[in-house]
Amino acid sequence: MSESESTPAGRLLLGLSLAMGASLTVAASLNYLLTPMRADLGLTQDQTSIALAIPSIASLLIVFIAGRLGDRRGHRTVIIWMSVLFIIGSALVMITPGLAFLVLGLLLAGLAATAIQIVVIGLLSDRFVESSARAKAFGTFGMVSPFIWMLFPVLTGAVVREHSWRLVPAIWVLCGIAMLIGARRFLPPARSVLPLGEIRTPILAGLTVVLGVQALSRISDGGLTSPAFLITSCATVLSGLVCVVMVRRTRRPSFSLQPLRVRRARGLLAVVIIIPLINTVFFMTLAFQYLFGLSVLQTALIMVPAQAAAILGTRFLAGPLMRRYGVTRTAAVLFFVLAIAMLGALFMSADSPLWVPAVYVAVYNVLTVAASITVTSGVMSTGNEENSGLVAAYRGSSVALGATLAVVVMNAAVFGLSRLWLDTDFQQQGLTSSEASAQMNEIMASATSPDVMTQYAVPLPSGVTVDQSMQDAIATGLHINGLLGSALSILCVVFIVNSARRARRA
C-alpha cells in the first residue's frame, strides 16, 4: 500500500497541484522583474547573471537528493520542508538591499522549487498506478503549468508597471504559505519512514549534471576549444567516474543507473531532452516584442489565449487520448501533428496580422504541453514506488540538459542564420552592418543563458528600434525555428515508437 492510498484522489491531486503551481511562480515571473530590480538595486548585467546562475546550479546539485528524500522520508514531509524554505527564500528576495540577499533568496527559492517538483511528480506517479486513473490524473495535473504561465507574466507585468517590484516576491511568499497549508491539509503522512542512507553518490551525480550543463553552456561562450569548456568537460568526466566508482564500492548506494537500463525510459528521456530545444514560445515572445512592436505587458496578454488553450488541451486532449490509446500512440500522434503545425511559421512575416502569430503559438502550445505531460506520464510509468523519486530526478536532469542544448544548438542556428541574412541584406544595400549587428547582439543577450531563457524572452530596459531589415531577419529566425522544430518533432516520434517497440521485444 502506498503512503497516499488513505487520501481521496481528488484531495491528493489538489494538494499536489497547489505545490507544483506555487513552485513555478518564481520561474514564471522572474524575467519580468529583471529591469526594475536592476534599476532599484543598481546591479550590473554581470551581477544579474550571477544572481540567476547560482540558483539553477544549486537546484541541479539537489536534484537526486530530492528524489531520495521523497522516497525515503515521505513525500508530504519533504514538501512541507521545502515549502518553508521557499517562503524564506522569497522573503529574502522581497527585502533584499543588494546582491548578497538576492542571490541567497533566489538560491533557497530555486532549490526548494526544484525539490518540490521532483517530489510532487514522484508522489503523483506512486498514487495513480492504474492506466485509466493515471491518464486522467496526469491530464488534470498538466493544467497547472500553463495556468501559472498564463497568470503570472500578466500579473507581474501589471504590478511592476504600477507598483514596486518587491510586491511580486511578496506574492511568492503568499503562494508558499498556500503550498504549506495545502500540503499539511491534503497530502497524507508517510506510512513508514526509512533511513536516508548514504548521500555521497546522489551529490556526485548532481555535481556531474551541473558540470555537464556548465560545459555545454561554455560552448556558446567560447566554442569547443575554449579553456572554460575544456576544463568543465574534464571535470564532468572526472566527477562521473568518481560517481561510478562510489556506486560500485558502496554496499547500498542511494544513486543508481537502474532507470536508464529500461529501454523505454531511455527513449522517453531523450524526448524530454529534445522538447526544450524546440523552444518556440521563447522565440515567439521575441517576435511579439521586436517584430510586432508589443510591450512587455502586451506580450504577456497576447500569450494568454495560448496558455488557456494548453490548459484545456491538456485536460481534454492528453488525458482522454492517453486513456483510450495509451501513452505511446498519444505522444507519437501529438508530436507528428506538431511537426506539421510548426511549418506554419513559414507563413509569418513582418506584415502578417497579429492574429496569425497568436494562433500559431496557441496551436504549438496546446500540442507541446499535451505531448510533454504524456511523455512525463510515460517516463514515470517505467519506475515503481521504490524508485519514483529517482526516475523523477532523471526527468528533471533531462529537462535541464535540454534547456542548455537549446542555447547551444537552437539559438546558435536561429540567431546565426538570421544574422547571416541580415548582413547579406545590408551588403546588398551598400550599408554597414555594424548598427544591425549591435541591435542583433542586444536581442541575443536575452537568449544566451538557460538561467535567463525560460519560456518568455527577457524584456530589455532600453528597447530596440527595429527597421525593415531587422524585421526580415527576425522573421527568418522564426522560419528557421519552425523548420528545425518540425524536424525535432519527427525525431521525437522516432524515439517514442522505437522505444516502445524495443520494450515489447524485450
Protein backbone atom coordinates (compact mmCIF):
# COMPACT_ATOMS: atom_id res chain seq x y z
CA MET A 1 0.00 0.00 0.00
CA SER A 2 1.37 3.40 -0.93
CA GLU A 3 1.52 6.24 1.55
CA SER A 4 -1.31 8.06 -0.23
CA GLU A 5 -3.91 5.34 -0.54
CA SER A 6 -5.76 6.60 2.55
CA THR A 7 -6.32 10.00 0.89
CA PRO A 8 -9.08 10.54 -1.68
CA ALA A 9 -7.67 11.05 -5.15
CA GLY A 10 -9.27 14.46 -5.57
CA ARG A 11 -7.78 15.87 -2.37
CA LEU A 12 -4.39 14.43 -3.21
CA LEU A 13 -4.45 15.89 -6.70
CA LEU A 14 -5.44 19.28 -5.30
CA GLY A 15 -2.57 19.25 -2.82
CA LEU A 16 -0.06 18.26 -5.49
CA SER A 17 -1.38 20.89 -7.90
CA LEU A 18 -1.02 23.59 -5.24
CA ALA A 19 2.55 22.54 -4.56
CA MET A 20 3.52 22.38 -8.22
CA GLY A 21 1.81 25.67 -9.06
CA ALA A 22 3.44 27.58 -6.21
CA SER A 23 6.87 26.18 -7.10
CA LEU A 24 6.56 27.54 -10.66
CA THR A 25 5.71 31.13 -9.70
CA VAL A 26 9.31 32.30 -9.44
CA ALA A 27 10.27 31.00 -12.89
CA ALA A 28 7.08 32.39 -14.45
CA SER A 29 7.65 35.94 -13.21
CA LEU A 30 11.37 36.44 -12.60
CA ASN A 31 12.20 37.64 -16.12
CA TYR A 32 9.70 40.47 -15.78
CA LEU A 33 11.40 41.65 -12.59
CA LEU A 34 14.88 41.97 -14.05
CA THR A 35 14.61 45.50 -15.40
CA PRO A 36 13.10 47.22 -12.32
CA MET A 37 15.17 45.04 -9.99
CA ARG A 38 18.43 46.02 -11.67
CA ALA A 39 17.48 49.69 -11.60
CA ASP A 40 16.45 49.61 -7.93
CA LEU A 41 19.43 47.64 -6.65
CA GLY A 42 21.98 49.17 -9.01
CA LEU A 43 23.08 45.82 -10.42
CA THR A 44 25.23 45.37 -13.48
CA GLN A 45 24.46 42.81 -16.18
CA ASP A 46 27.20 40.52 -14.84
CA GLN A 47 25.81 40.72 -11.30
CA THR A 48 22.35 39.87 -12.58
CA SER A 49 23.72 36.87 -14.46
CA ILE A 50 25.42 35.66 -11.27
CA ALA A 51 22.22 36.05 -9.29
CA LEU A 52 20.35 33.97 -11.86
CA ALA A 53 23.05 31.33 -12.42
CA ILE A 54 23.66 30.30 -8.81
CA PRO A 55 20.09 29.09 -8.07
CA SER A 56 19.99 26.87 -11.15
CA ILE A 57 23.35 25.33 -10.26
CA ALA A 58 22.22 24.63 -6.69
CA SER A 59 18.94 23.19 -7.97
CA LEU A 60 20.75 20.63 -10.11
CA LEU A 61 23.00 19.72 -7.21
CA ILE A 62 19.97 18.74 -5.14
CA VAL A 63 18.03 17.01 -7.91
CA PHE A 64 18.96 13.42 -6.99
CA ILE A 65 18.95 14.08 -3.24
CA ALA A 66 15.40 15.42 -3.53
CA GLY A 67 14.26 12.22 -5.22
CA ARG A 68 15.89 10.16 -2.49
CA LEU A 69 14.30 12.27 0.27
CA GLY A 70 10.83 11.79 -1.16
CA ASP A 71 11.19 8.03 -1.47
CA ARG A 72 12.69 7.53 2.00
CA ARG A 73 11.41 10.26 4.32
CA GLY A 74 7.93 10.70 2.84
CA HIS A 75 6.69 13.00 0.08
CA ARG A 76 4.46 15.09 2.35
CA THR A 77 7.26 15.74 4.81
CA VAL A 78 9.68 16.87 2.12
CA ILE A 79 7.09 19.17 0.51
CA ILE A 80 6.44 20.79 3.90
CA TRP A 81 10.17 21.29 4.50
CA MET A 82 10.68 22.75 1.06
CA SER A 83 7.61 25.00 1.40
CA VAL A 84 9.21 26.64 4.42
CA LEU A 85 12.47 27.04 2.52
CA PHE A 86 10.58 28.52 -0.44
CA ILE A 87 8.89 31.07 1.83
CA ILE A 88 12.20 32.08 3.41
CA GLY A 89 13.89 32.47 0.02
CA SER A 90 11.03 34.53 -1.40
CA ALA A 91 11.02 36.77 1.68
CA LEU A 92 14.76 37.40 1.31
CA VAL A 93 14.24 38.48 -2.29
CA MET A 94 11.43 40.79 -1.18
CA ILE A 95 13.53 42.62 1.42
CA THR A 96 16.92 42.40 -0.30
CA PRO A 97 19.08 45.53 -0.06
CA GLY A 98 21.59 44.24 -2.60
CA LEU A 99 23.19 41.37 -4.45
CA ALA A 100 24.03 39.11 -1.48
CA PHE A 101 20.47 38.76 -0.16
CA LEU A 102 19.14 38.49 -3.71
CA VAL A 103 21.45 35.58 -4.53
CA LEU A 104 20.69 33.83 -1.24
CA GLY A 105 16.93 34.30 -1.64
CA LEU A 106 16.86 33.04 -5.22
CA LEU A 107 19.15 30.20 -4.20
CA LEU A 108 16.80 28.96 -1.48
CA ALA A 109 13.65 29.50 -3.54
CA GLY A 110 15.12 27.77 -6.60
CA LEU A 111 16.44 24.88 -4.57
CA ALA A 112 13.07 24.39 -2.87
CA ALA A 113 11.13 24.69 -6.14
CA THR A 114 13.23 22.01 -7.84
CA ALA A 115 12.91 19.62 -4.91
CA ILE A 116 9.14 20.16 -4.74
CA GLN A 117 8.64 19.50 -8.44
CA ILE A 118 10.58 16.23 -8.29
CA VAL A 119 8.81 15.00 -5.16
CA VAL A 120 5.37 16.01 -6.47
CA ILE A 121 5.79 14.09 -9.73
CA GLY A 122 7.11 11.10 -7.79
CA LEU A 123 4.10 11.03 -5.47
CA LEU A 124 1.68 11.52 -8.37
CA SER A 125 3.20 8.52 -10.12
CA ASP A 126 3.08 6.42 -6.94
CA ARG A 127 -0.57 7.15 -6.24
CA PHE A 128 -2.07 6.72 -9.70
CA VAL A 129 -0.90 3.37 -10.98
CA GLU A 130 -3.88 2.02 -12.93
CA SER A 131 -3.63 3.21 -16.53
CA SER A 132 -7.02 4.94 -16.81
CA ALA A 133 -6.72 6.73 -13.46
CA ARG A 134 -3.12 7.63 -14.28
CA ALA A 135 -4.07 9.17 -17.62
CA LYS A 136 -6.83 11.24 -16.02
CA ALA A 137 -4.59 12.37 -13.16
CA PHE A 138 -1.68 13.41 -15.39
CA GLY A 139 -4.09 15.11 -17.79
CA THR A 140 -5.57 17.15 -14.96
CA PHE A 141 -2.19 17.80 -13.35
CA GLY A 142 -0.82 19.03 -16.68
CA MET A 143 -3.14 22.03 -16.48
CA VAL A 144 -1.12 23.54 -13.63
CA SER A 145 1.94 24.72 -15.55
CA PRO A 146 0.13 26.58 -18.37
CA PHE A 147 -2.22 28.14 -15.79
CA ILE A 148 0.72 29.60 -13.87
CA TRP A 149 2.38 30.76 -17.10
CA MET A 150 -0.90 32.34 -18.16
CA LEU A 151 -1.45 34.20 -14.88
CA PHE A 152 1.92 35.27 -13.53
CA PRO A 153 3.52 37.01 -16.52
CA VAL A 154 0.43 39.21 -16.83
CA LEU A 155 0.22 39.75 -13.08
CA THR A 156 3.92 40.59 -12.83
CA GLY A 157 3.80 42.91 -15.82
CA ALA A 158 0.86 44.78 -14.32
CA VAL A 159 2.45 45.00 -10.87
CA VAL A 160 5.84 46.32 -11.98
CA ARG A 161 4.13 48.84 -14.22
CA GLU A 162 2.23 50.49 -11.36
CA HIS A 163 3.94 49.37 -8.13
CA SER A 164 7.26 48.27 -6.66
CA TRP A 165 8.76 45.07 -7.98
CA ARG A 166 9.05 43.87 -4.38
CA LEU A 167 5.34 43.20 -4.36
CA VAL A 168 5.91 40.22 -6.67
CA PRO A 169 8.19 38.33 -4.23
CA ALA A 170 5.56 39.08 -1.60
CA ILE A 171 3.10 37.19 -3.80
CA TRP A 172 5.62 34.34 -3.93
CA VAL A 173 5.58 34.27 -0.13
CA LEU A 174 1.78 34.01 -0.12
CA CYS A 175 1.95 31.18 -2.65
CA GLY A 176 4.48 29.40 -0.46
CA ILE A 177 2.15 29.73 2.53
CA ALA A 178 -0.72 28.31 0.45
CA MET A 179 1.54 25.43 -0.60
CA LEU A 180 2.46 24.74 3.02
CA ILE A 181 -1.18 24.75 4.15
CA GLY A 182 -2.22 22.60 1.19
CA ALA A 183 0.49 20.03 1.89
CA ARG A 184 -0.49 19.72 5.54
CA ARG A 185 -4.20 19.53 4.76
CA PHE A 186 -4.45 17.48 1.57
CA LEU A 187 -1.38 15.23 1.47
CA PRO A 188 -1.19 12.06 3.57
CA PRO A 189 1.54 11.44 6.13
CA ALA A 190 4.03 8.73 5.28
CA ARG A 191 3.00 5.28 6.46
CA SER A 192 6.66 4.45 7.06
CA VAL A 193 9.84 6.48 7.30
CA LEU A 194 13.07 4.85 6.18
CA PRO A 195 16.66 5.91 6.83
CA LEU A 196 18.01 8.26 4.20
CA GLY A 197 21.15 6.20 3.71
CA GLU A 198 24.35 7.46 2.17
CA ILE A 199 24.16 10.75 0.24
CA ARG A 200 27.60 10.86 -1.39
CA THR A 201 26.52 9.22 -4.63
CA PRO A 202 23.43 11.45 -5.17
CA ILE A 203 25.59 14.52 -4.54
CA LEU A 204 28.22 13.30 -7.00
CA ALA A 205 25.52 12.53 -9.57
CA GLY A 206 24.09 16.02 -9.17
CA LEU A 207 27.57 17.54 -9.42
CA THR A 208 28.18 15.63 -12.64
CA VAL A 209 24.95 17.03 -14.11
CA VAL A 210 25.90 20.57 -13.03
CA LEU A 211 29.37 20.31 -14.56
CA GLY A 212 27.97 18.79 -17.76
CA VAL A 213 25.43 21.59 -18.12
CA GLN A 214 28.13 24.19 -17.46
CA ALA A 215 30.39 22.57 -20.05
CA LEU A 216 27.66 22.78 -22.67
CA SER A 217 26.99 26.40 -21.72
CA ARG A 218 30.63 27.26 -22.31
CA ILE A 219 30.29 26.15 -25.95
CA SER A 220 28.05 29.12 -26.69
CA ASP A 221 30.53 31.44 -24.94
CA GLY A 222 33.83 30.39 -26.46
CA GLY A 223 33.43 27.30 -28.61
CA LEU A 224 34.79 23.77 -28.28
CA THR A 225 38.39 24.93 -27.90
CA SER A 226 37.86 27.47 -25.13
CA PRO A 227 39.69 26.80 -21.83
CA ALA A 228 36.42 27.06 -19.89
CA PHE A 229 34.81 24.31 -21.99
CA LEU A 230 37.84 22.04 -21.78
CA ILE A 231 38.17 22.47 -18.01
CA THR A 232 34.48 21.89 -17.27
CA SER A 233 34.38 18.92 -19.67
CA CYS A 234 37.31 17.26 -17.89
CA ALA A 235 35.69 18.00 -14.54
CA THR A 236 32.45 16.42 -15.77
CA VAL A 237 34.20 13.22 -16.84
CA LEU A 238 36.17 13.07 -13.58
CA SER A 239 33.07 13.61 -11.45
CA GLY A 240 31.17 10.96 -13.41
CA LEU A 241 33.96 8.43 -12.99
CA VAL A 242 34.19 9.08 -9.26
CA CYS A 243 30.42 8.66 -9.01
CA VAL A 244 30.55 5.31 -10.83
CA VAL A 245 33.36 4.08 -8.60
CA MET A 246 31.49 5.15 -5.46
CA VAL A 247 28.30 3.43 -6.62
CA ARG A 248 30.18 0.17 -7.24
CA ARG A 249 32.06 0.29 -3.94
CA THR A 250 29.08 1.29 -1.79
CA ARG A 251 27.07 -1.64 -0.44
CA ARG A 252 23.70 0.08 -0.77
CA PRO A 253 24.16 3.22 -2.86
CA SER A 254 21.37 5.80 -2.86
CA PHE A 255 22.02 6.63 -6.51
CA SER A 256 21.52 4.09 -9.26
CA LEU A 257 21.62 3.85 -13.03
CA GLN A 258 18.80 1.31 -12.94
CA PRO A 259 16.17 3.65 -14.50
CA LEU A 260 18.43 4.08 -17.53
CA ARG A 261 18.59 0.33 -18.03
CA VAL A 262 14.91 0.38 -19.01
CA ARG A 263 14.83 0.76 -22.79
CA ARG A 264 11.55 2.61 -22.84
CA ALA A 265 12.81 5.06 -20.22
CA ARG A 266 15.90 5.90 -22.28
CA GLY A 267 13.83 6.69 -25.36
CA LEU A 268 11.33 8.84 -23.47
CA LEU A 269 14.08 10.70 -21.59
CA ALA A 270 15.63 11.51 -24.96
CA VAL A 271 12.31 13.08 -25.92
CA VAL A 272 12.30 15.07 -22.67
CA ILE A 273 15.70 16.48 -23.68
CA ILE A 274 14.52 17.37 -27.18
CA ILE A 275 11.35 19.25 -26.17
CA PRO A 276 13.14 22.37 -24.79
CA LEU A 277 15.21 22.58 -27.97
CA ILE A 278 12.13 23.49 -29.97
CA ASN A 279 11.58 26.48 -27.69
CA THR A 280 9.05 28.20 -29.93
CA VAL A 281 7.31 30.13 -27.14
CA PHE A 282 10.57 31.93 -26.36
CA PHE A 283 11.17 32.93 -29.98
CA MET A 284 7.56 33.99 -30.40
CA THR A 285 7.79 36.34 -27.41
CA LEU A 286 10.90 37.81 -29.04
CA ALA A 287 8.88 38.27 -32.22
CA PHE A 288 5.96 39.88 -30.40
CA GLN A 289 8.33 42.46 -28.91
CA TYR A 290 10.69 43.13 -31.81
CA LEU A 291 8.73 42.13 -34.91
CA PHE A 292 5.21 43.22 -33.95
CA GLY A 293 6.21 46.03 -31.57
CA LEU A 294 4.33 44.88 -28.46
CA SER A 295 5.29 45.99 -24.98
CA VAL A 296 6.20 43.55 -22.22
CA LEU A 297 2.68 43.61 -20.77
CA GLN A 298 1.08 43.33 -24.21
CA THR A 299 3.28 40.31 -24.95
CA ALA A 300 2.11 38.66 -21.73
CA LEU A 301 -1.51 39.39 -22.64
CA ILE A 302 -1.21 38.06 -26.19
CA MET A 303 0.12 34.80 -24.72
CA VAL A 304 -2.97 34.32 -22.52
CA PRO A 305 -5.01 32.53 -25.23
CA ALA A 306 -2.06 30.21 -25.92
CA GLN A 307 -1.75 29.22 -22.27
CA ALA A 308 -5.53 28.91 -21.90
CA ALA A 309 -5.59 26.60 -24.92
CA ALA A 310 -2.86 24.49 -23.30
CA ILE A 311 -4.90 24.23 -20.09
CA LEU A 312 -7.96 22.98 -21.94
CA GLY A 313 -5.96 20.85 -24.34
CA THR A 314 -4.10 19.04 -21.60
CA ARG A 315 -7.30 18.27 -19.73
CA PHE A 316 -9.49 17.37 -22.69
CA LEU A 317 -6.90 16.18 -25.21
CA ALA A 318 -3.96 14.49 -23.48
CA GLY A 319 -5.95 12.82 -20.72
CA PRO A 320 -8.71 11.25 -22.87
CA LEU A 321 -6.25 10.20 -25.59
CA MET A 322 -3.97 8.50 -23.04
CA ARG A 323 -6.93 6.64 -21.54
CA ARG A 324 -8.11 5.42 -24.92
CA TYR A 325 -4.91 4.85 -26.90
CA GLY A 326 -2.12 4.73 -24.31
CA VAL A 327 0.97 6.85 -23.85
CA THR A 328 2.92 5.70 -26.89
CA ARG A 329 0.24 6.32 -29.52
CA THR A 330 -0.86 9.58 -27.91
CA ALA A 331 2.64 11.04 -27.69
CA ALA A 332 3.55 9.91 -31.22
CA VAL A 333 0.39 11.42 -32.74
CA LEU A 334 0.77 14.70 -30.86
CA PHE A 335 4.36 15.15 -31.97
CA PHE A 336 3.51 14.22 -35.55
CA VAL A 337 0.76 16.83 -35.66
CA LEU A 338 3.15 19.30 -34.02
CA ALA A 339 5.68 18.67 -36.79
CA ILE A 340 3.08 19.69 -39.36
CA ALA A 341 1.82 22.65 -37.32
CA MET A 342 5.30 24.13 -36.89
CA LEU A 343 5.59 24.59 -40.63
CA GLY A 344 3.03 27.36 -40.14
CA ALA A 345 5.96 29.56 -39.11
CA LEU A 346 6.84 29.85 -42.80
CA PHE A 347 3.71 31.95 -43.32
CA MET A 348 4.73 34.62 -40.79
CA SER A 349 6.38 37.88 -41.75
CA ALA A 350 6.65 41.44 -40.52
CA ASP A 351 3.47 42.25 -42.48
CA SER A 352 1.40 39.42 -41.01
CA PRO A 353 -1.65 40.46 -38.97
CA LEU A 354 -1.23 39.89 -35.24
CA TRP A 355 -3.78 37.07 -35.15
CA VAL A 356 -1.51 34.88 -37.30
CA PRO A 357 1.31 34.51 -34.73
CA ALA A 358 -1.27 34.39 -31.92
CA VAL A 359 -2.99 31.38 -33.50
CA TYR A 360 0.33 29.76 -34.36
CA VAL A 361 1.71 29.93 -30.83
CA ALA A 362 -1.64 28.74 -29.40
CA VAL A 363 -1.62 25.64 -31.61
CA TYR A 364 2.03 25.00 -30.78
CA ASN A 365 1.43 25.41 -27.06
CA VAL A 366 -1.54 23.09 -26.80
CA LEU A 367 0.25 20.33 -28.71
CA THR A 368 3.56 20.70 -26.88
CA VAL A 369 2.10 20.87 -23.38
CA ALA A 370 -0.18 17.90 -24.06
CA ALA A 371 2.72 15.91 -25.53
CA SER A 372 5.03 16.85 -22.66
CA ILE A 373 2.68 15.70 -19.92
CA THR A 374 2.05 12.49 -21.88
CA VAL A 375 5.78 11.80 -22.10
CA THR A 376 6.17 12.62 -18.40
CA SER A 377 3.49 10.06 -17.60
CA GLY A 378 5.32 7.53 -19.74
CA VAL A 379 8.69 8.21 -18.10
CA MET A 380 7.25 7.86 -14.60
CA SER A 381 5.47 4.62 -15.53
CA THR A 382 8.86 2.99 -16.08
CA GLY A 383 9.62 3.26 -12.34
CA ASN A 384 7.97 1.89 -9.25
CA GLU A 385 7.11 3.02 -5.72
CA GLU A 386 10.64 2.40 -4.52
CA ASN A 387 12.45 4.49 -7.12
CA SER A 388 9.85 7.01 -8.37
CA GLY A 389 11.88 9.86 -6.88
CA LEU A 390 14.98 8.72 -8.74
CA VAL A 391 13.07 8.48 -12.02
CA ALA A 392 11.63 11.98 -11.44
CA ALA A 393 15.18 13.22 -10.77
CA TYR A 394 16.35 11.79 -14.10
CA ARG A 395 13.48 13.57 -15.78
CA GLY A 396 14.41 16.86 -14.09
CA SER A 397 18.04 16.48 -15.14
CA SER A 398 16.93 15.80 -18.72
CA VAL A 399 14.87 18.99 -18.77
CA ALA A 400 17.90 20.99 -17.57
CA LEU A 401 20.11 19.37 -20.18
CA GLY A 402 17.57 20.15 -22.90
CA ALA A 403 17.36 23.80 -21.83
CA THR A 404 21.13 24.12 -22.11
CA LEU A 405 21.21 22.43 -25.50
CA ALA A 406 18.52 24.86 -26.62
CA VAL A 407 21.00 27.69 -26.07
CA VAL A 408 23.90 25.85 -27.69
CA VAL A 409 22.05 24.34 -30.67
CA MET A 410 18.75 26.06 -31.43
CA ASN A 411 19.77 29.62 -30.55
CA ALA A 412 23.05 29.29 -32.43
CA ALA A 413 21.19 28.09 -35.52
CA VAL A 414 18.36 30.62 -35.36
CA PHE A 415 20.38 33.68 -34.47
CA GLY A 416 23.39 32.70 -36.57
CA LEU A 417 21.37 32.22 -39.76
CA SER A 418 19.27 35.29 -39.01
CA ARG A 419 22.43 37.38 -38.67
CA LEU A 420 23.73 35.94 -41.95
CA TRP A 421 20.50 37.04 -43.63
CA LEU A 422 20.79 40.48 -42.05
CA ASP A 423 24.41 41.01 -43.07
CA THR A 424 23.69 39.88 -46.63
CA ASP A 425 20.72 42.22 -46.89
CA PHE A 426 22.74 45.19 -45.67
CA GLN A 427 25.62 44.41 -48.01
CA GLN A 428 23.21 44.35 -50.94
CA GLN A 429 22.06 47.81 -49.92
CA GLY A 430 25.66 49.03 -49.71
CA LEU A 431 25.28 49.83 -45.98
CA THR A 432 27.45 48.95 -43.00
CA SER A 433 26.26 46.08 -40.84
CA SER A 434 27.73 47.40 -37.57
CA GLU A 435 24.48 49.02 -36.42
CA ALA A 436 22.42 45.97 -37.33
CA SER A 437 24.90 43.68 -35.57
CA ALA A 438 24.68 45.82 -32.45
CA GLN A 439 20.89 45.51 -32.48
CA MET A 440 21.04 41.77 -33.03
CA ASN A 441 23.56 41.42 -30.19
CA GLU A 442 21.20 43.26 -27.86
CA ILE A 443 18.34 40.97 -28.77
CA MET A 444 20.57 37.88 -28.47
CA ALA A 445 21.56 38.95 -24.96
CA SER A 446 18.17 37.70 -23.80
CA ALA A 447 18.87 34.22 -25.17
CA THR A 448 22.42 33.40 -24.12
CA SER A 449 21.79 31.62 -20.84
CA PRO A 450 19.40 28.86 -19.81
CA ASP A 451 19.25 30.60 -16.41
CA VAL A 452 17.50 33.56 -18.08
CA MET A 453 15.82 31.87 -21.04
CA THR A 454 12.80 30.15 -19.57
CA GLN A 455 9.71 30.43 -21.73
CA TYR A 456 9.45 34.18 -22.24
CA ALA A 457 12.11 36.48 -23.63
CA VAL A 458 13.70 38.86 -21.14
CA PRO A 459 12.44 42.41 -21.70
CA LEU A 460 15.24 44.85 -22.44
CA PRO A 461 15.34 48.13 -20.49
CA SER A 462 16.20 50.41 -23.40
CA GLY A 463 14.01 48.90 -26.07
CA VAL A 464 15.23 48.22 -29.59
CA THR A 465 14.28 50.19 -32.65
CA VAL A 466 13.72 47.65 -35.38
CA ASP A 467 13.94 48.64 -39.03
CA GLN A 468 12.69 46.65 -42.03
CA SER A 469 15.92 44.70 -42.47
CA MET A 470 15.94 43.69 -38.81
CA GLN A 471 12.30 42.64 -39.07
CA ASP A 472 13.14 40.45 -42.06
CA ALA A 473 15.97 38.85 -40.08
CA ILE A 474 13.69 38.13 -37.12
CA ALA A 475 11.05 36.67 -39.44
CA THR A 476 13.76 34.48 -40.98
CA GLY A 477 14.67 33.32 -37.47
CA LEU A 478 11.05 32.24 -36.92
CA HIS A 479 11.11 30.28 -40.19
CA ILE A 480 14.32 28.53 -39.14
CA ASN A 481 12.85 27.72 -35.75
CA GLY A 482 9.75 26.29 -37.40
CA LEU A 483 11.74 24.06 -39.76
CA LEU A 484 14.12 22.82 -37.07
CA GLY A 485 11.25 22.36 -34.63
CA SER A 486 9.36 20.28 -37.18
CA ALA A 487 12.40 18.06 -37.71
CA LEU A 488 12.90 17.67 -33.94
CA SER A 489 9.23 16.74 -33.53
CA ILE A 490 9.63 13.96 -36.10
CA LEU A 491 12.73 12.82 -34.19
CA CYS A 492 10.59 12.62 -31.04
CA VAL A 493 8.14 10.37 -32.90
CA VAL A 494 11.01 8.09 -33.91
CA PHE A 495 12.31 7.83 -30.32
CA ILE A 496 8.83 7.15 -28.93
CA VAL A 497 7.95 4.45 -31.44
CA ASN A 498 11.34 2.73 -31.32
CA SER A 499 11.48 2.72 -27.52
CA ALA A 500 8.03 1.12 -27.34
CA ARG A 501 8.92 -1.46 -29.99
CA ARG A 502 12.15 -2.45 -28.24
CA ALA A 503 10.36 -2.64 -24.90
CA ARG A 504 7.80 -5.08 -26.39
CA ARG A 505 10.56 -7.22 -27.87
CA ALA A 506 12.43 -7.26 -24.55
